[in-house]
Amino acid sequence: MTITYRSYLRLPELLDVQSPLSGVHDELLFITIHQASELWMKLCLHELGEARRRIAADDVAPALKMMARVSRIQAQLIQSPTSIAAWNS
């Protein structure tokens, strides 16, 4: 089987989980923003877990890069609601 972008990311399944329950236009925006935030937080936990393992193994340099990545993700998560609020202005 050939691996494609679509199959690797499981795009059909991913795009099926945004299922608004009301007829409110902005509901899809709300779902998308919050699901994306959850994925970013999952990545943070993944990075922090590996950073912890690296530090325990006295392999600090990669751990610092992972923690810097988490810091950038957190900054993005903090900035995201502010930038999206501007869309409603």
Protein backbone atom coordinates (compact mmCIF):
# COMPACT_ATOMS: atom_id res chain seq x y z
CA MET A 1 0.00 0.00 0.00
CA THR A 2 1.29 3.44 -0.92
CA ILE A 3 1.38 5.94 1.89
CA THR A 4 -0.07 9.29 0.88
CA TYR A 5 -0.44 12.55 2.76
CA ARG A 6 -4.16 11.85 3.05
CA SER A 7 -3.76 8.30 4.37
CA TYR A 8 -0.82 9.08 6.67
CA LEU A 9 -2.71 11.90 8.41
CA ARG A 10 -5.99 9.94 8.24
CA LEU A 11 -7.67 13.03 6.85
CA PRO A 12 -11.13 11.53 6.31
CA GLU A 13 -11.34 10.50 9.98
CA LEU A 14 -9.82 13.78 11.18
CA LEU A 15 -12.19 15.92 9.16
CA ASP A 16 -15.21 13.86 10.23
CA VAL A 17 -14.82 14.77 13.91
CA GLN A 18 -15.86 18.40 13.44
CA SER A 19 -19.60 17.89 13.80
CA PRO A 20 -21.52 21.00 14.82
CA LEU A 21 -24.63 20.23 16.86
CA SER A 22 -26.47 23.48 16.17
CA GLY A 23 -27.11 25.69 13.20
CA VAL A 24 -24.93 28.46 14.62
CA HIS A 25 -22.44 29.54 11.94
CA ASP A 26 -19.48 30.04 14.31
CA GLU A 27 -19.81 26.62 15.94
CA LEU A 28 -17.42 25.02 13.46
CA LEU A 29 -14.87 27.73 14.25
CA PHE A 30 -15.25 27.00 17.97
CA ILE A 31 -14.83 23.23 17.46
CA THR A 32 -11.83 23.63 15.16
CA ILE A 33 -9.98 26.01 17.47
CA HIS A 34 -10.53 23.86 20.53
CA GLN A 35 -9.68 20.57 18.84
CA ALA A 36 -6.48 22.10 17.47
CA SER A 37 -5.63 23.34 20.98
CA GLU A 38 -6.10 19.83 22.35
CA LEU A 39 -3.73 18.45 19.71
CA TRP A 40 -1.11 21.08 20.60
CA MET A 41 -1.45 20.15 24.28
CA LYS A 42 -1.05 16.47 23.41
CA LEU A 43 2.19 17.38 21.64
CA CYS A 44 3.34 19.33 24.72
CA LEU A 45 2.85 16.25 26.90
CA HIS A 46 4.73 14.13 24.36
CA GLU A 47 7.65 16.59 24.29
CA LEU A 48 7.77 17.00 28.07
CA GLY A 49 7.73 13.24 28.60
CA GLU A 50 10.69 12.77 26.27
CA ALA A 51 12.50 15.77 27.78
CA ARG A 52 12.11 14.19 31.20
CA ARG A 53 13.53 10.89 29.94
CA ARG A 54 16.47 12.70 28.33
CA ILE A 55 17.24 14.64 31.51
CA ALA A 56 17.10 11.42 33.54
CA ALA A 57 19.61 9.94 31.07
CA ASP A 58 21.83 13.04 31.48
CA ASP A 59 21.15 14.01 27.85
CA VAL A 60 20.21 17.61 28.53
CA ALA A 61 20.78 19.37 25.18
CA PRO A 62 17.91 17.66 23.33
CA ALA A 63 15.71 18.09 26.40
CA LEU A 64 16.27 21.84 26.31
CA LYS A 65 15.23 21.94 22.64
CA MET A 66 12.07 19.99 23.48
CA MET A 67 11.23 22.33 26.34
CA ALA A 68 11.80 25.34 24.07
CA ARG A 69 9.37 23.76 21.60
CA VAL A 70 6.79 23.43 24.39
CA SER A 71 7.33 27.08 25.29
CA ARG A 72 6.65 28.14 21.69
CA ILE A 73 3.54 25.97 21.56
CA GLN A 74 2.27 27.52 24.79
CA ALA A 75 2.88 31.00 23.38
CA GLN A 76 0.87 30.03 20.29
CA LEU A 77 -1.97 28.69 22.44
CA ILE A 78 -2.06 31.92 24.45
CA GLN A 79 -1.95 34.08 21.30
CA SER A 80 -4.55 32.10 19.34
CA PRO A 81 -7.73 33.31 21.10
CA THR A 82 -6.55 36.91 20.86
CA SER A 83 -5.89 36.70 17.13
CA ILE A 84 -9.17 34.92 16.48
CA ALA A 85 -11.12 37.50 18.48
CA ALA A 86 -9.93 40.05 15.92
CA TRP A 87 -11.82 38.12 13.23
CA ASN A 88 -15.07 39.14 14.90
CA SER A 89 -14.26 42.85 14.94
